[in-house]
Amino acid sequence: MFSLFCLSCSQLEQTQSVTDKNVKPNVLFISIDDLRPELGVYGSKIAKTPFIDQIAAGGITFKNAYAQQAICGPSRASVMTGLRPDTLEVTHNYVKFRHKYPDVETIPQHFMKHGYNASFVGKIFHHGDKDSENSWNWPAAFDQLPQDIKRPGRYALDENFQLQKENKKAMFAKYGEQAKYGLGSGPAIEGADVADTAYKDGYHTEVALKTLEQLVEQSDKPFFFGFGMNKPHLPWIAPKKYWDLYNKQDIALAEHSLAPTNAAAMGLHASFELRTFSNVPNFGDLPDDLSLDLKHAYLACISYVDAQIGKVFAKLKALDVLDNTIVIIWSDHGYHLGDKGIWGKASNYEIATRVPLIISTPETRRTGKALSTEALVELIDIYPTLAELANISKPKQAEGLSLTPLITNPDLAWQDSALSQFPTPALREWGAYPLRKGMRETYFGPLIEQVEDKIKQQQKQKWDRELFEQNLMGYSLRTKNHRLIAWLDTKNLSQKAIYIELYDHQVDPHETVNVAEQNPEIVKALVAKLYQRI
């Protein structure tokens, strides 16, 4: 279990309540899937996100927030329990988060124990592990929508729905059971001229608005409401009006599109997930024009999600409960959009581990001042932070820190590192699961051979299939000035690292050159610090 970092007593004494201790505040808990900090408030030069930016203007933006693992299931399990992936033993998408600790208390469970109604719409936990029986006590209002609002499918255009159906049938015919793990999709993008409700997030927003009405009007209890946006997860589909917010000629390809010099060959995958879609090549580089279309689609999805969040935030005002509601916005991990030559999450680099994190409380909104902090924080800090902001007991098992002191004083001295991890991205499927035997027999076979050959050439006598496919974990330590990535054998963590990467953010913020060999003393110090935390 990872050790905890403790604030000094003097720092804790500086903490002041940021909510009224006599009133239990509501919580609007907004999670966004696969969103890197491509937002106006984070300095994006192109993303149009007026509603999230408005919420941030009345709260605090954490400029250096990091996910514990850059993949949906482990990251969300970690957030919702306050425990790190290794503690939970959840490091891929195909294991339930309660498998080791069946009685672990989640964030909504904790709030329910303190008298809250808890409800959700959309993606909060990972798909297939929603924990409905334990973590929620108020059903979402799916049955309250007008009859003309129908539950949407994956695509709005019938031609794309049919294409996906045909492709999936063909994949099962060709590859059998292996196809059920994600093979056989339609296109990666779509921008139909339809209403917001024709896609899942717009539909869920209408359900959320009705559910909030019920939570406020049918109960005197405070609420914890989870509002989970599925975009910008693939496929990148959003109504045409959000595509129209951007001119394709204004969109640029990734500035740093090559793997870092001397990087670990096992640290970058071959964009497996994106290549499951029908309009993306199965092998080789993506054409520039397709890459621009993909980035355009990702941006459209961000603006689509932003608009849905704006609707829910406005509903809090209309219901006259905003003045007693904490609003938190977070993403489960970042995303490569051609950065370092790959597309997808699932790496230990800055682009995949750094995430948006924004908290707006009644008190921060009353100050009328947009706050931000450069402190290094982690997503596991969300659980204890919300508990303290709501003036309820701290969770017993949480491994993170309450960020309340930073809300009061954004310049407060804070922990000196953030910890993330990911197992051998190059030899994992897109759910971080070890390569199944059948995957090598699909059209991914040549890609797998290509990345495997790179690892063998670099690692030479260290190459061992079981080690690299099953037991190798990259642990990433981000400090103010550096990122260290140590590749360790999880069967023997005390053994010397298989490979070390070091990136100097003072001169190389995009992590383009591994300088570990040139800086042995820095590596030694950071490795020692890493071992203190694992």
Protein backbone atom coordinates (compact mmCIF):
# COMPACT_ATOMS: atom_id res chain seq x y z
CA MET A 1 0.00 0.00 0.00
CA PHE A 2 1.29 3.40 -0.87
CA SER A 3 2.43 5.58 1.99
CA LEU A 4 0.56 8.74 2.70
CA PHE A 5 1.98 12.22 2.57
CA CYS A 6 1.10 14.28 5.64
CA LEU A 7 0.76 18.00 5.85
CA SER A 8 2.47 19.70 8.73
CA CYS A 9 0.37 20.91 11.62
CA SER A 10 1.22 24.51 10.77
CA GLN A 11 -0.25 24.06 7.30
CA LEU A 12 -3.39 22.45 8.64
CA GLU A 13 -3.87 25.34 11.02
CA GLN A 14 -4.06 27.67 8.01
CA THR A 15 -7.12 25.80 6.72
CA GLN A 16 -10.39 27.66 7.08
CA SER A 17 -13.85 26.33 6.36
CA VAL A 18 -14.97 27.07 2.83
CA THR A 19 -18.55 26.00 3.46
CA ASP A 20 -21.05 26.75 6.22
CA LYS A 21 -20.51 24.10 8.88
CA ASN A 22 -24.13 24.35 9.98
CA VAL A 23 -25.53 23.37 6.59
CA LYS A 24 -24.84 20.24 4.58
CA PRO A 25 -24.04 21.36 1.04
CA ASN A 26 -25.21 19.53 -2.05
CA VAL A 27 -22.54 18.09 -4.38
CA LEU A 28 -22.61 18.14 -8.18
CA PHE A 29 -19.94 15.63 -9.14
CA ILE A 30 -19.05 16.01 -12.84
CA SER A 31 -16.79 13.44 -14.43
CA ILE A 32 -15.61 13.68 -18.04
CA ASP A 33 -14.20 10.75 -19.99
CA ASP A 34 -10.81 10.97 -21.77
CA LEU A 35 -10.50 14.76 -21.46
CA ARG A 36 -7.01 16.20 -21.37
CA PRO A 37 -6.78 19.82 -20.13
CA GLU A 38 -7.91 21.13 -23.52
CA LEU A 39 -10.05 23.89 -22.01
CA GLY A 40 -10.02 27.66 -22.16
CA VAL A 41 -9.30 27.94 -18.46
CA TYR A 42 -6.23 25.72 -18.95
CA GLY A 43 -4.88 27.94 -21.70
CA SER A 44 -6.07 26.05 -24.78
CA LYS A 45 -5.70 28.31 -27.80
CA ILE A 46 -8.52 26.65 -29.70
CA ALA A 47 -11.02 24.84 -27.45
CA LYS A 48 -14.33 26.65 -26.98
CA THR A 49 -15.53 25.87 -23.46
CA PRO A 50 -17.41 28.91 -22.13
CA PHE A 51 -19.49 27.05 -19.55
CA ILE A 52 -16.66 25.16 -17.86
CA ASP A 53 -14.63 28.36 -17.96
CA GLN A 54 -17.52 30.16 -16.24
CA ILE A 55 -17.62 27.58 -13.46
CA ALA A 56 -13.85 27.84 -13.06
CA ALA A 57 -14.18 31.63 -12.78
CA GLY A 58 -16.08 31.05 -9.54
CA GLY A 59 -13.79 28.38 -8.16
CA ILE A 60 -10.25 27.07 -8.09
CA THR A 61 -8.47 25.44 -11.01
CA PHE A 62 -5.80 22.89 -10.16
CA LYS A 63 -3.22 23.39 -12.90
CA ASN A 64 -1.17 20.32 -12.02
CA ALA A 65 -3.61 17.52 -11.22
CA TYR A 66 -2.69 13.93 -12.09
CA ALA A 67 -4.56 10.66 -12.56
CA GLN A 68 -3.32 7.56 -10.77
CA GLN A 69 -3.54 5.49 -13.96
CA ALA A 70 -4.34 6.69 -17.47
CA ILE A 71 -7.13 4.23 -18.22
CA CYS A 72 -10.83 4.43 -17.38
CA GLY A 73 -11.51 1.54 -14.99
CA PRO A 74 -8.51 1.81 -12.65
CA SER A 75 -8.64 5.62 -12.59
CA ARG A 76 -12.33 5.74 -11.71
CA ALA A 77 -12.03 2.96 -9.14
CA SER A 78 -9.20 4.91 -7.52
CA VAL A 79 -11.14 8.19 -7.48
CA MET A 80 -14.32 6.65 -6.11
CA THR A 81 -12.60 4.73 -3.30
CA GLY A 82 -9.70 7.05 -2.55
CA LEU A 83 -7.29 4.14 -2.96
CA ARG A 84 -4.46 3.72 -5.43
CA PRO A 85 -4.63 1.11 -8.22
CA ASP A 86 -2.04 -1.13 -6.56
CA THR A 87 -3.90 -0.99 -3.25
CA LEU A 88 -7.15 -2.01 -4.93
CA GLU A 89 -5.33 -4.39 -7.29
CA VAL A 90 -7.26 -2.80 -10.14
CA THR A 91 -4.84 -2.03 -12.96
CA HIS A 92 -6.97 -2.93 -15.99
CA ASN A 93 -10.61 -2.60 -17.04
CA TYR A 94 -11.60 -6.24 -16.58
CA VAL A 95 -11.66 -6.56 -12.80
CA LYS A 96 -14.32 -5.32 -10.38
CA PHE A 97 -13.11 -2.68 -7.96
CA ARG A 98 -14.54 -4.61 -4.96
CA HIS A 99 -12.72 -7.85 -5.77
CA LYS A 100 -10.09 -7.36 -3.04
CA TYR A 101 -11.99 -5.13 -0.62
CA PRO A 102 -15.69 -6.01 -0.96
CA ASP A 103 -16.69 -3.59 1.79
CA VAL A 104 -14.72 -0.57 0.60
CA GLU A 105 -16.81 2.58 1.03
CA THR A 106 -17.18 4.72 -2.07
CA ILE A 107 -17.67 8.49 -2.16
CA PRO A 108 -21.47 8.36 -2.67
CA GLN A 109 -21.76 5.61 -0.04
CA HIS A 110 -19.96 7.84 2.43
CA PHE A 111 -22.30 10.72 1.70
CA MET A 112 -25.35 8.45 1.97
CA LYS A 113 -24.13 7.37 5.41
CA HIS A 114 -24.23 11.04 6.39
CA GLY A 115 -27.80 11.60 5.31
CA TYR A 116 -27.50 12.33 1.59
CA ASN A 117 -29.52 11.13 -1.34
CA ALA A 118 -27.14 9.88 -4.01
CA SER A 119 -27.99 9.57 -7.69
CA PHE A 120 -26.15 9.53 -10.99
CA VAL A 121 -26.57 9.75 -14.73
CA GLY A 122 -23.89 8.76 -17.26
CA LYS A 123 -20.41 7.44 -16.63
CA ILE A 124 -19.17 7.74 -13.04
CA PHE A 125 -17.77 4.29 -12.34
CA HIS A 126 -16.46 2.33 -15.31
CA HIS A 127 -18.93 0.51 -17.55
CA GLY A 128 -19.97 -2.84 -16.13
CA ASP A 129 -19.01 -1.89 -12.58
CA LYS A 130 -21.51 0.84 -11.69
CA ASP A 131 -22.00 -0.39 -8.11
CA SER A 132 -25.70 0.49 -8.31
CA GLU A 133 -26.75 -1.57 -5.29
CA ASN A 134 -24.21 -0.06 -2.90
CA SER A 135 -23.38 3.48 -4.01
CA TRP A 136 -26.73 4.98 -5.05
CA ASN A 137 -30.11 5.29 -3.36
CA TRP A 138 -32.09 7.53 -5.72
CA PRO A 139 -33.00 6.33 -9.22
CA ALA A 140 -32.35 8.60 -12.19
CA ALA A 141 -35.46 9.89 -13.94
CA PHE A 142 -35.14 7.97 -17.21
CA ASP A 143 -38.91 7.36 -17.20
CA GLN A 144 -39.73 11.05 -16.94
CA LEU A 145 -38.55 12.21 -20.36
CA PRO A 146 -40.99 13.28 -23.09
CA GLN A 147 -41.87 10.46 -25.47
CA ASP A 148 -40.18 12.20 -28.39
CA ILE A 149 -36.77 11.92 -26.68
CA LYS A 150 -35.52 8.42 -27.39
CA ARG A 151 -32.53 6.63 -25.92
CA PRO A 152 -29.80 7.05 -28.57
CA GLY A 153 -27.57 4.40 -30.04
CA ARG A 154 -23.86 4.76 -30.69
CA TYR A 155 -24.36 6.66 -33.97
CA ALA A 156 -27.08 9.04 -35.12
CA LEU A 157 -26.64 8.28 -38.83
CA ASP A 158 -28.18 4.98 -39.88
CA GLU A 159 -25.44 4.39 -42.44
CA ASN A 160 -22.85 4.35 -39.67
CA PHE A 161 -25.01 2.16 -37.44
CA GLN A 162 -25.35 -0.34 -40.28
CA LEU A 163 -21.62 -0.17 -41.03
CA GLN A 164 -20.81 -0.99 -37.43
CA LYS A 165 -23.28 -3.87 -37.45
CA GLU A 166 -21.73 -5.31 -40.61
CA ASN A 167 -18.16 -4.85 -39.37
CA LYS A 168 -18.87 -6.51 -36.05
CA LYS A 169 -20.49 -9.47 -37.82
CA ALA A 170 -17.45 -9.77 -40.08
CA MET A 171 -15.02 -9.61 -37.14
CA PHE A 172 -16.84 -12.36 -35.26
CA ALA A 173 -16.90 -14.50 -38.39
CA LYS A 174 -13.16 -14.02 -38.87
CA TYR A 175 -11.79 -13.93 -35.31
CA GLY A 176 -14.46 -15.52 -33.15
CA GLU A 177 -14.52 -14.71 -29.43
CA GLN A 178 -11.61 -12.27 -29.68
CA ALA A 179 -13.88 -9.88 -31.58
CA LYS A 180 -16.03 -9.24 -28.51
CA TYR A 181 -13.20 -7.23 -26.93
CA GLY A 182 -13.78 -4.23 -29.16
CA LEU A 183 -13.23 -5.25 -32.76
CA GLY A 184 -15.71 -4.28 -35.44
CA SER A 185 -16.74 -0.63 -35.22
CA GLY A 186 -18.12 2.05 -37.46
CA PRO A 187 -16.21 5.28 -38.09
CA ALA A 188 -14.28 7.04 -35.35
CA ILE A 189 -16.11 10.33 -36.01
CA GLU A 190 -19.58 11.60 -36.78
CA GLY A 191 -21.17 15.05 -36.87
CA ALA A 192 -24.82 14.64 -37.79
CA ASP A 193 -27.09 17.69 -37.96
CA VAL A 194 -29.20 16.57 -35.01
CA ALA A 195 -30.35 17.74 -31.60
CA ASP A 196 -28.09 17.28 -28.59
CA THR A 197 -30.34 14.45 -27.38
CA ALA A 198 -29.56 12.36 -30.48
CA TYR A 199 -26.27 11.46 -28.81
CA LYS A 200 -25.79 9.91 -25.41
CA ASP A 201 -24.48 12.89 -23.43
CA GLY A 202 -27.30 15.19 -24.54
CA TYR A 203 -29.84 12.49 -23.70
CA HIS A 204 -28.27 11.98 -20.28
CA THR A 205 -28.38 15.71 -19.69
CA GLU A 206 -32.17 15.74 -20.07
CA VAL A 207 -32.36 12.86 -17.58
CA ALA A 208 -30.07 14.78 -15.23
CA LEU A 209 -32.27 17.88 -15.32
CA LYS A 210 -35.35 15.83 -14.38
CA THR A 211 -33.46 13.94 -11.69
CA LEU A 212 -32.22 17.17 -10.11
CA GLU A 213 -35.77 18.47 -10.01
CA GLN A 214 -36.87 15.36 -8.14
CA LEU A 215 -33.94 15.46 -5.73
CA VAL A 216 -34.77 19.04 -4.80
CA GLU A 217 -38.57 18.95 -4.86
CA GLN A 218 -39.26 15.49 -3.41
CA SER A 219 -36.82 15.41 -0.51
CA ASP A 220 -35.45 17.68 2.20
CA LYS A 221 -32.14 15.81 2.23
CA PRO A 222 -29.01 17.21 0.59
CA PHE A 223 -27.97 15.46 -2.60
CA PHE A 224 -24.83 14.00 -4.11
CA PHE A 225 -25.41 13.92 -7.85
CA GLY A 226 -22.98 12.28 -10.25
CA PHE A 227 -23.13 13.67 -13.79
CA GLY A 228 -20.89 11.64 -16.07
CA MET A 229 -20.03 12.70 -19.61
CA ASN A 230 -19.03 9.91 -22.02
CA LYS A 231 -17.31 12.23 -24.48
CA PRO A 232 -14.65 12.91 -25.57
CA HIS A 233 -14.21 9.12 -25.38
CA LEU A 234 -14.09 7.40 -28.76
CA PRO A 235 -15.94 7.41 -31.06
CA TRP A 236 -15.79 11.20 -31.37
CA ILE A 237 -19.38 11.99 -32.23
CA ALA A 238 -21.20 15.26 -31.59
CA PRO A 239 -23.95 17.31 -33.26
CA LYS A 240 -22.85 19.32 -36.28
CA LYS A 241 -23.29 22.67 -34.54
CA TYR A 242 -20.33 21.87 -32.28
CA TRP A 243 -18.18 20.93 -35.26
CA ASP A 244 -19.14 24.27 -36.78
CA LEU A 245 -17.52 26.10 -33.88
CA TYR A 246 -14.13 25.24 -35.41
CA ASN A 247 -12.45 25.87 -38.74
CA LYS A 248 -10.39 22.91 -39.83
CA GLN A 249 -7.64 25.21 -41.11
CA ASP A 250 -7.17 26.52 -37.56
CA ILE A 251 -6.49 23.06 -36.17
CA ALA A 252 -2.86 21.99 -35.96
CA LEU A 253 -1.28 18.55 -35.94
CA ALA A 254 0.54 17.46 -32.79
CA GLU A 255 3.66 19.57 -32.35
CA HIS A 256 5.71 16.72 -30.91
CA SER A 257 4.73 13.66 -32.93
CA LEU A 258 7.79 11.46 -32.38
CA ALA A 259 8.57 9.14 -29.49
CA PRO A 260 10.95 10.73 -26.99
CA THR A 261 14.64 10.16 -27.63
CA ASN A 262 15.86 7.15 -25.62
CA ALA A 263 12.37 6.51 -24.26
CA ALA A 264 11.36 3.07 -23.04
CA ALA A 265 10.20 1.09 -26.08
CA MET A 266 7.47 -0.51 -23.94
CA GLY A 267 6.13 2.89 -22.89
CA LEU A 268 4.15 3.73 -26.03
CA HIS A 269 1.43 1.60 -27.62
CA ALA A 270 0.44 1.38 -31.29
CA SER A 271 -2.88 3.28 -31.00
CA PHE A 272 -4.77 -0.01 -30.77
CA GLU A 273 -8.12 1.43 -29.66
CA LEU A 274 -8.36 4.02 -32.44
CA ARG A 275 -7.49 1.35 -35.01
CA THR A 276 -10.62 -0.62 -34.18
CA PHE A 277 -12.65 1.99 -36.11
CA SER A 278 -13.50 1.51 -39.77
CA ASN A 279 -11.99 4.73 -41.15
CA VAL A 280 -8.60 4.37 -39.43
CA PRO A 281 -5.68 2.39 -40.96
CA ASN A 282 -4.87 -0.90 -39.25
CA PHE A 283 -1.14 -0.28 -39.63
CA GLY A 284 1.24 2.61 -40.20
CA ASP A 285 0.98 6.36 -39.71
CA LEU A 286 -2.32 8.18 -40.00
CA PRO A 287 -2.68 10.53 -42.99
CA ASP A 288 -2.50 14.20 -42.00
CA ASP A 289 -5.97 14.95 -43.29
CA LEU A 290 -7.47 12.16 -41.19
CA SER A 291 -5.50 13.34 -38.17
CA LEU A 292 -6.95 16.83 -38.54
CA ASP A 293 -10.47 15.39 -38.85
CA LEU A 294 -9.91 13.39 -35.69
CA LYS A 295 -8.69 16.41 -33.75
CA HIS A 296 -11.63 18.42 -35.10
CA ALA A 297 -13.97 15.71 -33.82
CA TYR A 298 -12.28 15.63 -30.39
CA LEU A 299 -12.71 19.41 -30.08
CA ALA A 300 -16.34 19.21 -31.16
CA CYS A 301 -16.95 16.62 -28.44
CA ILE A 302 -15.36 18.88 -25.83
CA SER A 303 -17.66 21.77 -26.78
CA TYR A 304 -20.65 19.41 -26.82
CA VAL A 305 -19.85 18.24 -23.30
CA ASP A 306 -19.23 21.82 -22.20
CA ALA A 307 -22.73 22.81 -23.34
CA GLN A 308 -24.31 19.93 -21.40
CA ILE A 309 -22.46 20.94 -18.24
CA GLY A 310 -23.72 24.48 -18.77
CA LYS A 311 -27.31 23.22 -18.83
CA VAL A 312 -26.92 21.33 -15.56
CA PHE A 313 -25.19 24.26 -13.87
CA ALA A 314 -28.01 26.56 -15.00
CA LYS A 315 -30.52 24.09 -13.55
CA LEU A 316 -28.93 24.47 -10.11
CA LYS A 317 -29.60 28.20 -10.40
CA ALA A 318 -33.17 27.66 -11.59
CA LEU A 319 -33.85 25.34 -8.65
CA ASP A 320 -32.36 27.93 -6.28
CA VAL A 321 -29.82 25.48 -4.83
CA LEU A 322 -26.58 26.70 -6.38
CA ASP A 323 -25.76 28.82 -3.33
CA ASN A 324 -25.53 25.64 -1.29
CA THR A 325 -23.88 23.36 -3.83
CA ILE A 326 -20.27 22.27 -4.29
CA VAL A 327 -19.41 21.69 -7.95
CA ILE A 328 -16.44 19.57 -8.94
CA ILE A 329 -15.27 18.82 -12.49
CA TRP A 330 -12.64 16.18 -13.21
CA SER A 331 -11.45 13.88 -15.97
CA ASP A 332 -10.25 10.32 -15.51
CA HIS A 333 -7.04 10.85 -17.54
CA GLY A 334 -5.47 12.78 -20.38
CA TYR A 335 -5.07 11.82 -24.03
CA HIS A 336 -2.53 11.62 -26.87
CA LEU A 337 -3.82 13.16 -30.12
CA GLY A 338 -0.83 12.17 -32.21
CA ASP A 339 1.48 13.36 -29.43
CA LYS A 340 4.61 11.19 -29.26
CA GLY A 341 3.32 9.41 -32.35
CA ILE A 342 0.29 7.73 -30.77
CA TRP A 343 -3.44 8.21 -30.33
CA GLY A 344 -5.14 7.29 -27.07
CA LYS A 345 -4.65 7.31 -23.34
CA ALA A 346 -2.59 4.58 -21.67
CA SER A 347 0.88 5.98 -21.05
CA ASN A 348 2.89 7.34 -18.15
CA TYR A 349 3.66 10.67 -19.81
CA GLU A 350 2.38 14.14 -18.98
CA ILE A 351 -0.06 14.20 -21.89
CA ALA A 352 -1.87 11.10 -20.56
CA THR A 353 -1.63 11.59 -16.79
CA ARG A 354 -2.37 15.32 -16.38
CA VAL A 355 -6.08 16.10 -16.06
CA PRO A 356 -8.49 18.97 -15.49
CA LEU A 357 -9.65 19.41 -11.90
CA ILE A 358 -11.89 22.33 -10.92
CA ILE A 359 -13.74 22.89 -7.64
CA SER A 360 -16.32 25.61 -7.09
CA THR A 361 -17.88 26.09 -3.65
CA PRO A 362 -20.48 28.57 -2.37
CA GLU A 363 -17.64 30.46 -0.69
CA THR A 364 -15.35 30.62 -3.71
CA ARG A 365 -18.23 31.88 -5.84
CA ARG A 366 -19.02 34.60 -3.31
CA THR A 367 -15.48 35.96 -3.53
CA GLY A 368 -15.99 36.65 -7.24
CA LYS A 369 -12.37 35.81 -7.94
CA ALA A 370 -11.03 33.02 -10.14
CA LEU A 371 -8.45 31.04 -8.21
CA SER A 372 -5.76 28.68 -9.44
CA THR A 373 -2.92 26.73 -7.92
CA GLU A 374 0.28 25.20 -9.29
CA ALA A 375 0.40 22.63 -6.49
CA LEU A 376 0.94 18.99 -7.46
CA VAL A 377 -2.30 17.19 -6.63
CA GLU A 378 -3.80 13.81 -7.44
CA LEU A 379 -7.25 12.49 -8.24
CA ILE A 380 -7.26 10.38 -5.07
CA ASP A 381 -7.41 13.72 -3.24
CA ILE A 382 -11.01 14.21 -4.39
CA TYR A 383 -12.59 11.90 -1.79
CA PRO A 384 -11.14 13.47 1.39
CA THR A 385 -11.58 16.94 -0.12
CA LEU A 386 -15.31 16.53 -0.70
CA ALA A 387 -15.78 15.01 2.74
CA GLU A 388 -14.11 17.99 4.41
CA LEU A 389 -15.95 20.53 2.25
CA ALA A 390 -19.25 18.89 3.19
CA ASN A 391 -18.32 18.87 6.87
CA ILE A 392 -18.72 15.11 7.20
CA SER A 393 -16.26 12.60 8.61
CA LYS A 394 -13.13 11.82 6.70
CA PRO A 395 -13.09 8.45 4.90
CA LYS A 396 -11.16 5.84 6.85
CA GLN A 397 -9.36 4.27 3.93
CA ALA A 398 -8.52 7.24 1.69
CA GLU A 399 -4.87 7.53 0.65
CA GLY A 400 -5.15 11.06 -0.70
CA LEU A 401 -5.05 14.49 0.90
CA SER A 402 -7.85 16.97 1.44
CA LEU A 403 -7.24 19.91 -0.87
CA THR A 404 -9.24 22.28 1.32
CA PRO A 405 -6.09 24.11 2.51
CA LEU A 406 -5.29 24.97 -1.12
CA ILE A 407 -8.79 26.30 -1.72
CA THR A 408 -8.21 28.70 1.14
CA ASN A 409 -4.61 29.46 0.18
CA PRO A 410 -3.67 28.42 -3.39
CA ASP A 411 0.00 29.29 -2.83
CA LEU A 412 0.39 27.03 0.18
CA ALA A 413 3.44 24.76 0.17
CA TRP A 414 2.23 21.28 -0.80
CA GLN A 415 3.41 17.77 -1.50
CA ASP A 416 6.46 17.56 -3.74
CA SER A 417 5.32 14.82 -6.13
CA ALA A 418 2.39 13.11 -7.83
CA LEU A 419 2.37 9.37 -8.53
CA SER A 420 0.92 7.56 -11.54
CA GLN A 421 1.41 4.11 -13.01
CA PHE A 422 0.71 2.02 -16.10
CA PRO A 423 1.69 -1.54 -17.05
CA THR A 424 3.64 -2.01 -20.32
CA PRO A 425 1.44 0.07 -22.67
CA ALA A 426 3.02 -1.43 -25.80
CA LEU A 427 1.97 -4.97 -24.85
CA ARG A 428 -1.47 -4.30 -23.39
CA GLU A 429 -4.86 -4.18 -25.06
CA TRP A 430 -6.71 -0.86 -24.93
CA GLY A 431 -8.34 -1.77 -21.61
CA ALA A 432 -4.83 -2.27 -20.15
CA TYR A 433 -5.43 -6.02 -20.12
CA PRO A 434 -2.46 -8.25 -21.03
CA LEU A 435 -2.51 -9.30 -24.66
CA ARG A 436 -4.81 -12.23 -25.19
CA LYS A 437 -3.48 -14.99 -27.41
CA GLY A 438 -6.18 -14.31 -29.97
CA MET A 439 -5.16 -10.66 -30.37
CA ARG A 440 -1.99 -11.72 -32.19
CA GLU A 441 -4.16 -13.59 -34.68
CA THR A 442 -6.18 -10.51 -35.62
CA TYR A 443 -5.14 -7.67 -37.92
CA PHE A 444 -3.27 -6.30 -34.89
CA GLY A 445 -0.69 -9.07 -35.24
CA PRO A 446 1.80 -7.03 -37.35
CA LEU A 447 1.49 -4.05 -34.99
CA ILE A 448 2.21 -6.23 -31.98
CA GLU A 449 5.24 -7.75 -33.72
CA GLN A 450 6.51 -4.29 -34.56
CA VAL A 451 6.36 -2.94 -31.01
CA GLU A 452 7.68 -6.19 -29.58
CA ASP A 453 10.71 -6.08 -31.89
CA LYS A 454 11.47 -2.54 -30.68
CA ILE A 455 11.40 -3.70 -27.08
CA LYS A 456 13.69 -6.65 -27.82
CA GLN A 457 16.18 -4.42 -29.65
CA GLN A 458 16.31 -1.98 -26.77
CA GLN A 459 16.17 -4.33 -23.80
CA LYS A 460 18.31 -7.14 -25.31
CA GLN A 461 19.06 -9.77 -22.65
CA LYS A 462 16.48 -8.26 -20.29
CA TRP A 463 13.68 -9.35 -22.62
CA ASP A 464 11.39 -11.92 -21.05
CA ARG A 465 7.88 -12.38 -22.45
CA GLU A 466 6.15 -13.12 -19.15
CA LEU A 467 7.85 -10.18 -17.45
CA PHE A 468 7.07 -7.64 -20.15
CA GLU A 469 3.53 -8.83 -20.88
CA GLN A 470 2.35 -9.67 -17.38
CA ASN A 471 4.47 -8.20 -14.59
CA LEU A 472 6.18 -4.99 -15.74
CA MET A 473 4.78 -1.78 -14.27
CA GLY A 474 5.85 1.74 -15.12
CA TYR A 475 5.70 3.98 -12.05
CA SER A 476 5.78 7.67 -12.84
CA LEU A 477 6.77 10.33 -10.34
CA ARG A 478 6.06 13.95 -11.30
CA THR A 479 7.84 16.64 -9.34
CA LYS A 480 7.96 20.37 -9.98
CA ASN A 481 10.94 20.05 -12.31
CA HIS A 482 11.05 16.44 -13.47
CA ARG A 483 9.18 13.33 -14.46
CA LEU A 484 10.75 10.02 -13.53
CA ILE A 485 9.41 6.76 -14.99
CA ALA A 486 10.81 3.60 -13.43
CA TRP A 487 9.96 0.26 -15.06
CA LEU A 488 9.78 -2.29 -12.26
CA ASP A 489 9.10 -6.01 -11.98
CA THR A 490 6.00 -6.22 -9.79
CA LYS A 491 7.02 -9.72 -8.71
CA ASN A 492 10.13 -8.23 -7.15
CA LEU A 493 9.76 -4.50 -6.55
CA SER A 494 12.99 -4.35 -4.57
CA GLN A 495 14.95 -5.39 -7.65
CA LYS A 496 16.74 -2.74 -9.71
CA ALA A 497 14.55 -1.03 -12.29
CA ILE A 498 14.48 -2.66 -15.73
CA TYR A 499 14.68 0.80 -17.33
CA ILE A 500 14.61 4.43 -16.19
CA GLU A 501 13.31 7.54 -17.92
CA LEU A 502 13.89 11.11 -16.74
CA TYR A 503 12.46 14.26 -18.32
CA ASP A 504 13.54 17.75 -17.30
CA HIS A 505 10.48 20.01 -17.34
CA GLN A 506 12.60 23.11 -16.85
CA VAL A 507 13.93 22.80 -20.42
CA ASP A 508 11.76 20.07 -21.93
CA PRO A 509 8.13 20.47 -20.83
CA HIS A 510 6.89 18.21 -23.63
CA GLU A 511 9.10 15.32 -22.48
CA THR A 512 10.95 14.78 -25.75
CA VAL A 513 14.36 13.59 -24.50
CA ASN A 514 15.12 11.03 -21.80
CA VAL A 515 18.07 12.44 -19.85
CA ALA A 516 18.37 9.73 -17.19
CA GLU A 517 21.89 8.68 -18.17
CA GLN A 518 23.16 12.26 -17.98
CA ASN A 519 21.69 12.88 -14.50
CA PRO A 520 22.50 9.91 -12.24
CA GLU A 521 22.25 11.90 -9.00
CA ILE A 522 18.78 13.23 -9.82
CA VAL A 523 17.69 9.74 -10.82
CA LYS A 524 19.04 8.28 -7.58
CA ALA A 525 17.17 10.85 -5.48
CA LEU A 526 13.90 10.48 -7.37
CA VAL A 527 14.03 6.68 -7.37
CA ALA A 528 14.48 6.79 -3.61
CA LYS A 529 11.47 9.08 -3.35
CA LEU A 530 9.47 6.78 -5.61
CA TYR A 531 10.21 3.77 -3.40
CA GLN A 532 8.96 5.74 -0.40
CA ARG A 533 5.60 6.04 -2.13
CA ILE A 534 5.07 2.48 -3.36
